Amino acid sequence: MKRWGTIMMSVGGGIFIGSALLLGNSTLNAVGAVLILFPPVLFVIRYVEEKITFHRPAR
């Protein structure tokens, strides 16, 4: 589980830095890119969490 977190953080950081550099280092553009990229990342995290918690008994 910790490995997944580090992978997600490194991928997100790489995308963030890459998009910031591609967009000319403009802070507003970087924020816009993050806002565009955030929903899919959240969806993936929710999906993975559902898959993991599905095997455990419900609280």
PDB file of N, CA and C in Angstrom:
ATOM      1  N   MET A   1       0.837  -1.200   0.000  1.00  0.00           N
ATOM      2  CA  MET A   1       0.000   0.000   0.000  1.00  0.00           C
ATOM      3  C   MET A   1       0.873   1.252   0.000  1.00  0.00           C
ATOM      4  N   LYS A   2       1.971   1.226   0.772  1.00  0.00           N
ATOM      5  CA  LYS A   2       2.873   2.386   0.793  1.00  0.00           C
ATOM      6  C   LYS A   2       3.524   2.568  -0.571  1.00  0.00           C
ATOM      7  N   ARG A   3       3.822   1.461  -1.247  1.00  0.00           N
ATOM      8  CA  ARG A   3       4.452   1.562  -2.558  1.00  0.00           C
ATOM      9  C   ARG A   3       3.528   2.290  -3.529  1.00  0.00           C
ATOM     10  N   TRP A   4       2.211   1.967  -3.467  1.00  0.00           N
ATOM     11  CA  TRP A   4       1.237   2.637  -4.343  1.00  0.00           C
ATOM     12  C   TRP A   4       1.269   4.135  -4.107  1.00  0.00           C
ATOM     13  N   GLY A   5       1.323   4.553  -2.826  1.00  0.00           N
ATOM     14  CA  GLY A   5       1.336   5.976  -2.507  1.00  0.00           C
ATOM     15  C   GLY A   5       2.545   6.667  -3.117  1.00  0.00           C
ATOM     16  N   THR A   6       3.716   6.046  -2.992  1.00  0.00           N
ATOM     17  CA  THR A   6       4.921   6.675  -3.534  1.00  0.00           C
ATOM     18  C   THR A   6       4.864   6.719  -5.056  1.00  0.00           C
ATOM     19  N   ILE A   7       4.323   5.655  -5.679  1.00  0.00           N
ATOM     20  CA  ILE A   7       4.205   5.653  -7.140  1.00  0.00           C
ATOM     21  C   ILE A   7       3.287   6.787  -7.579  1.00  0.00           C
ATOM     22  N   MET A   8       2.129   6.908  -6.912  1.00  0.00           N
ATOM     23  CA  MET A   8       1.186   7.953  -7.279  1.00  0.00           C
ATOM     24  C   MET A   8       1.814   9.331  -7.094  1.00  0.00           C
ATOM     25  N   MET A   9       2.530   9.514  -5.965  1.00  0.00           N
ATOM     26  CA  MET A   9       3.130  10.818  -5.697  1.00  0.00           C
ATOM     27  C   MET A   9       4.197  11.139  -6.746  1.00  0.00           C
ATOM     28  N   SER A  10       5.023  10.148  -7.095  1.00  0.00           N
ATOM     29  CA  SER A  10       6.080  10.413  -8.067  1.00  0.00           C
ATOM     30  C   SER A  10       5.488  10.696  -9.445  1.00  0.00           C
ATOM     31  N   VAL A  11       4.465   9.932  -9.833  1.00  0.00           N
ATOM     32  CA  VAL A  11       3.834  10.167 -11.142  1.00  0.00           C
ATOM     33  C   VAL A  11       3.182  11.540 -11.159  1.00  0.00           C
ATOM     34  N   GLY A  12       2.441  11.870 -10.076  1.00  0.00           N
ATOM     35  CA  GLY A  12       1.792  13.179 -10.011  1.00  0.00           C
ATOM     36  C   GLY A  12       2.808  14.303 -10.036  1.00  0.00           C
ATOM     37  N   GLY A  13       3.891  14.146  -9.269  1.00  0.00           N
ATOM     38  CA  GLY A  13       4.929  15.178  -9.253  1.00  0.00           C
ATOM     39  C   GLY A  13       5.575  15.332 -10.618  1.00  0.00           C
ATOM     40  N   GLY A  14       5.852  14.212 -11.282  1.00  0.00           N
ATOM     41  CA  GLY A  14       6.460  14.272 -12.606  1.00  0.00           C
ATOM     42  C   GLY A  14       5.547  14.965 -13.603  1.00  0.00           C
ATOM     43  N   ILE A  15       4.247  14.624 -13.566  1.00  0.00           N
ATOM     44  CA  ILE A  15       3.296  15.272 -14.471  1.00  0.00           C
ATOM     45  C   ILE A  15       3.219  16.758 -14.157  1.00  0.00           C
ATOM     46  N   PHE A  16       3.168  17.081 -12.851  1.00  0.00           N
ATOM     47  CA  PHE A  16       3.065  18.493 -12.444  1.00  0.00           C
ATOM     48  C   PHE A  16       4.272  19.289 -12.934  1.00  0.00           C
ATOM     49  N   ILE A  17       5.475  18.756 -12.664  1.00  0.00           N
ATOM     50  CA  ILE A  17       6.698  19.466 -13.067  1.00  0.00           C
ATOM     51  C   ILE A  17       6.785  19.539 -14.593  1.00  0.00           C
ATOM     52  N   GLY A  18       6.473  18.421 -15.260  1.00  0.00           N
ATOM     53  CA  GLY A  18       6.537  18.404 -16.721  1.00  0.00           C
ATOM     54  C   GLY A  18       5.575  19.397 -17.338  1.00  0.00           C
ATOM     55  N   SER A  19       4.334  19.424 -16.825  1.00  0.00           N
ATOM     56  CA  SER A  19       3.359  20.367 -17.379  1.00  0.00           C
ATOM     57  C   SER A  19       3.779  21.797 -17.077  1.00  0.00           C
ATOM     58  N   ALA A  20       4.311  22.049 -15.873  1.00  0.00           N
ATOM     59  CA  ALA A  20       4.749  23.408 -15.528  1.00  0.00           C
ATOM     60  C   ALA A  20       5.863  23.856 -16.477  1.00  0.00           C
ATOM     61  N   LEU A  21       6.803  22.949 -16.770  1.00  0.00           N
ATOM     62  CA  LEU A  21       7.892  23.321 -17.672  1.00  0.00           C
ATOM     63  C   LEU A  21       7.371  23.505 -19.098  1.00  0.00           C
ATOM     64  N   LEU A  22       6.453  22.620 -19.522  1.00  0.00           N
ATOM     65  CA  LEU A  22       5.925  22.710 -20.879  1.00  0.00           C
ATOM     66  C   LEU A  22       5.151  24.004 -21.072  1.00  0.00           C
ATOM     67  N   LEU A  23       4.444  24.425 -20.028  1.00  0.00           N
ATOM     68  CA  LEU A  23       3.582  25.597 -20.154  1.00  0.00           C
ATOM     69  C   LEU A  23       4.348  26.878 -19.850  1.00  0.00           C
ATOM     70  N   GLY A  24       5.675  26.847 -19.910  1.00  0.00           N
ATOM     71  CA  GLY A  24       6.448  28.058 -19.775  1.00  0.00           C
ATOM     72  C   GLY A  24       6.593  28.513 -18.335  1.00  0.00           C
ATOM     73  N   ASN A  25       6.481  27.572 -17.385  1.00  0.00           N
ATOM     74  CA  ASN A  25       6.726  27.894 -15.980  1.00  0.00           C
ATOM     75  C   ASN A  25       5.733  28.912 -15.431  1.00  0.00           C
ATOM     76  N   SER A  26       4.571  29.033 -16.080  1.00  0.00           N
ATOM     77  CA  SER A  26       3.562  29.966 -15.572  1.00  0.00           C
ATOM     78  C   SER A  26       2.785  29.287 -14.448  1.00  0.00           C
ATOM     79  N   THR A  27       2.696  29.957 -13.306  1.00  0.00           N
ATOM     80  CA  THR A  27       2.028  29.352 -12.149  1.00  0.00           C
ATOM     81  C   THR A  27       0.570  29.102 -12.452  1.00  0.00           C
ATOM     82  N   LEU A  28      -0.101  30.047 -13.104  1.00  0.00           N
ATOM     83  CA  LEU A  28      -1.527  29.886 -13.388  1.00  0.00           C
ATOM     84  C   LEU A  28      -1.748  28.688 -14.308  1.00  0.00           C
ATOM     85  N   ASN A  29      -0.883  28.535 -15.312  1.00  0.00           N
ATOM     86  CA  ASN A  29      -1.028  27.409 -16.222  1.00  0.00           C
ATOM     87  C   ASN A  29      -0.787  26.086 -15.489  1.00  0.00           C
ATOM     88  N   ALA A  30       0.185  26.077 -14.569  1.00  0.00           N
ATOM     89  CA  ALA A  30       0.457  24.861 -13.804  1.00  0.00           C
ATOM     90  C   ALA A  30      -0.751  24.505 -12.944  1.00  0.00           C
ATOM     91  N   VAL A  31      -1.340  25.529 -12.317  1.00  0.00           N
ATOM     92  CA  VAL A  31      -2.527  25.278 -11.498  1.00  0.00           C
ATOM     93  C   VAL A  31      -3.652  24.741 -12.369  1.00  0.00           C
ATOM     94  N   GLY A  32      -3.823  25.317 -13.558  1.00  0.00           N
ATOM     95  CA  GLY A  32      -4.864  24.838 -14.466  1.00  0.00           C
ATOM     96  C   GLY A  32      -4.636  23.383 -14.852  1.00  0.00           C
ATOM     97  N   ALA A  33      -3.372  23.031 -15.124  1.00  0.00           N
ATOM     98  CA  ALA A  33      -3.062  21.652 -15.495  1.00  0.00           C
ATOM     99  C   ALA A  33      -3.382  20.709 -14.341  1.00  0.00           C
ATOM    100  N   VAL A  34      -3.063  21.141 -13.120  1.00  0.00           N
ATOM    101  CA  VAL A  34      -3.348  20.289 -11.950  1.00  0.00           C
ATOM    102  C   VAL A  34      -4.850  20.115 -11.801  1.00  0.00           C
ATOM    103  N   LEU A  35      -5.605  21.202 -12.001  1.00  0.00           N
ATOM    104  CA  LEU A  35      -7.062  21.111 -11.880  1.00  0.00           C
ATOM    105  C   LEU A  35      -7.625  20.166 -12.928  1.00  0.00           C
ATOM    106  N   ILE A  36      -7.011  20.145 -14.112  1.00  0.00           N
ATOM    107  CA  ILE A  36      -7.478  19.244 -15.168  1.00  0.00           C
ATOM    108  C   ILE A  36      -7.096  17.799 -14.838  1.00  0.00           C
ATOM    109  N   LEU A  37      -5.891  17.601 -14.270  1.00  0.00           N
ATOM    110  CA  LEU A  37      -5.398  16.240 -14.032  1.00  0.00           C
ATOM    111  C   LEU A  37      -5.914  15.644 -12.725  1.00  0.00           C
ATOM    112  N   PHE A  38      -6.429  16.487 -11.816  1.00  0.00           N
ATOM    113  CA  PHE A  38      -6.768  15.987 -10.489  1.00  0.00           C
ATOM    114  C   PHE A  38      -7.947  15.020 -10.485  1.00  0.00           C
ATOM    115  N   PRO A  39      -9.085  15.312 -11.169  1.00  0.00           N
ATOM    116  CA  PRO A  39     -10.225  14.392 -11.117  1.00  0.00           C
ATOM    117  C   PRO A  39      -9.906  12.956 -11.548  1.00  0.00           C
ATOM    118  N   PRO A  40      -9.189  12.741 -12.673  1.00  0.00           N
ATOM    119  CA  PRO A  40      -8.860  11.355 -13.042  1.00  0.00           C
ATOM    120  C   PRO A  40      -8.008  10.656 -11.986  1.00  0.00           C
ATOM    121  N   VAL A  41      -7.068  11.399 -11.382  1.00  0.00           N
ATOM    122  CA  VAL A  41      -6.218  10.791 -10.349  1.00  0.00           C
ATOM    123  C   VAL A  41      -7.067  10.392  -9.148  1.00  0.00           C
ATOM    124  N   LEU A  42      -7.975  11.277  -8.744  1.00  0.00           N
ATOM    125  CA  LEU A  42      -8.870  10.965  -7.620  1.00  0.00           C
ATOM    126  C   LEU A  42      -9.702   9.738  -7.948  1.00  0.00           C
ATOM    127  N   PHE A  43     -10.204   9.655  -9.197  1.00  0.00           N
ATOM    128  CA  PHE A  43     -11.025   8.509  -9.603  1.00  0.00           C
ATOM    129  C   PHE A  43     -10.223   7.220  -9.509  1.00  0.00           C
ATOM    130  N   VAL A  44      -8.977   7.259  -9.972  1.00  0.00           N
ATOM    131  CA  VAL A  44      -8.138   6.059  -9.918  1.00  0.00           C
ATOM    132  C   VAL A  44      -7.895   5.644  -8.471  1.00  0.00           C
ATOM    133  N   ILE A  45      -7.609   6.632  -7.601  1.00  0.00           N
ATOM    134  CA  ILE A  45      -7.356   6.310  -6.192  1.00  0.00           C
ATOM    135  C   ILE A  45      -8.608   5.695  -5.571  1.00  0.00           C
ATOM    136  N   ARG A  46      -9.786   6.279  -5.840  1.00  0.00           N
ATOM    137  CA  ARG A  46     -11.036   5.741  -5.293  1.00  0.00           C
ATOM    138  C   ARG A  46     -11.255   4.314  -5.786  1.00  0.00           C
ATOM    139  N   TYR A  47     -10.995   4.082  -7.085  1.00  0.00           N
ATOM    140  CA  TYR A  47     -11.205   2.755  -7.663  1.00  0.00           C
ATOM    141  C   TYR A  47     -10.288   1.731  -7.001  1.00  0.00           C
ATOM    142  N   VAL A  48      -9.018   2.115  -6.819  1.00  0.00           N
ATOM    143  CA  VAL A  48      -8.070   1.185  -6.189  1.00  0.00           C
ATOM    144  C   VAL A  48      -8.487   0.905  -4.757  1.00  0.00           C
ATOM    145  N   GLU A  49      -8.897   1.950  -4.039  1.00  0.00           N
ATOM    146  CA  GLU A  49      -9.332   1.762  -2.652  1.00  0.00           C
ATOM    147  C   GLU A  49     -10.542   0.839  -2.595  1.00  0.00           C
ATOM    148  N   GLU A  50     -11.491   1.018  -3.527  1.00  0.00           N
ATOM    149  CA  GLU A  50     -12.668   0.149  -3.548  1.00  0.00           C
ATOM    150  C   GLU A  50     -12.246  -1.295  -3.793  1.00  0.00           C
ATOM    151  N   LYS A  51     -11.339  -1.507  -4.728  1.00  0.00           N
ATOM    152  CA  LYS A  51     -10.877  -2.867  -5.038  1.00  0.00           C
ATOM    153  C   LYS A  51     -10.209  -3.492  -3.811  1.00  0.00           C
ATOM    154  N   ILE A  52      -9.449  -2.690  -3.070  1.00  0.00           N
ATOM    155  CA  ILE A  52      -8.739  -3.224  -1.904  1.00  0.00           C
ATOM    156  C   ILE A  52      -9.725  -3.494  -0.775  1.00  0.00           C
ATOM    157  N   THR A  53     -10.611  -2.523  -0.492  1.00  0.00           N
ATOM    158  CA  THR A  53     -11.521  -2.672   0.644  1.00  0.00           C
ATOM    159  C   THR A  53     -12.626  -3.681   0.334  1.00  0.00           C
ATOM    160  N   PHE A  54     -12.805  -4.030  -0.942  1.00  0.00           N
ATOM    161  CA  PHE A  54     -13.867  -4.981  -1.307  1.00  0.00           C
ATOM    162  C   PHE A  54     -13.611  -6.340  -0.676  1.00  0.00           C
ATOM    163  N   HIS A  55     -12.343  -6.715  -0.533  1.00  0.00           N
ATOM    164  CA  HIS A  55     -12.013  -8.030   0.008  1.00  0.00           C
ATOM    165  C   HIS A  55     -12.105  -8.061   1.529  1.00  0.00           C
ATOM    166  N   ARG A  56     -12.049  -6.898   2.164  1.00  0.00           N
ATOM    167  CA  ARG A  56     -12.147  -6.869   3.621  1.00  0.00           C
ATOM    168  C   ARG A  56     -13.606  -6.857   4.050  1.00  0.00           C
ATOM    169  N   PRO A  57     -13.901  -7.359   5.249  1.00  0.00           N
ATOM    170  CA  PRO A  57     -15.272  -7.281   5.751  1.00  0.00           C
ATOM    171  C   PRO A  57     -15.665  -5.830   6.026  1.00  0.00           C
ATOM    172  N   ALA A  58     -16.913  -5.511   5.739  1.00  0.00           N
ATOM    173  CA  ALA A  58     -17.381  -4.131   5.951  1.00  0.00           C
ATOM    174  C   ALA A  58     -17.431  -3.816   7.435  1.00  0.00           C
ATOM    175  N   ARG A  59     -17.203  -2.524   7.748  1.00  0.00           N
ATOM    176  CA  ARG A  59     -17.222  -2.126   9.162  1.00  0.00           C
ATOM    177  C   ARG A  59     -18.655  -2.128   9.676  1.00  0.00           C
TER     178      ARG A  59
END
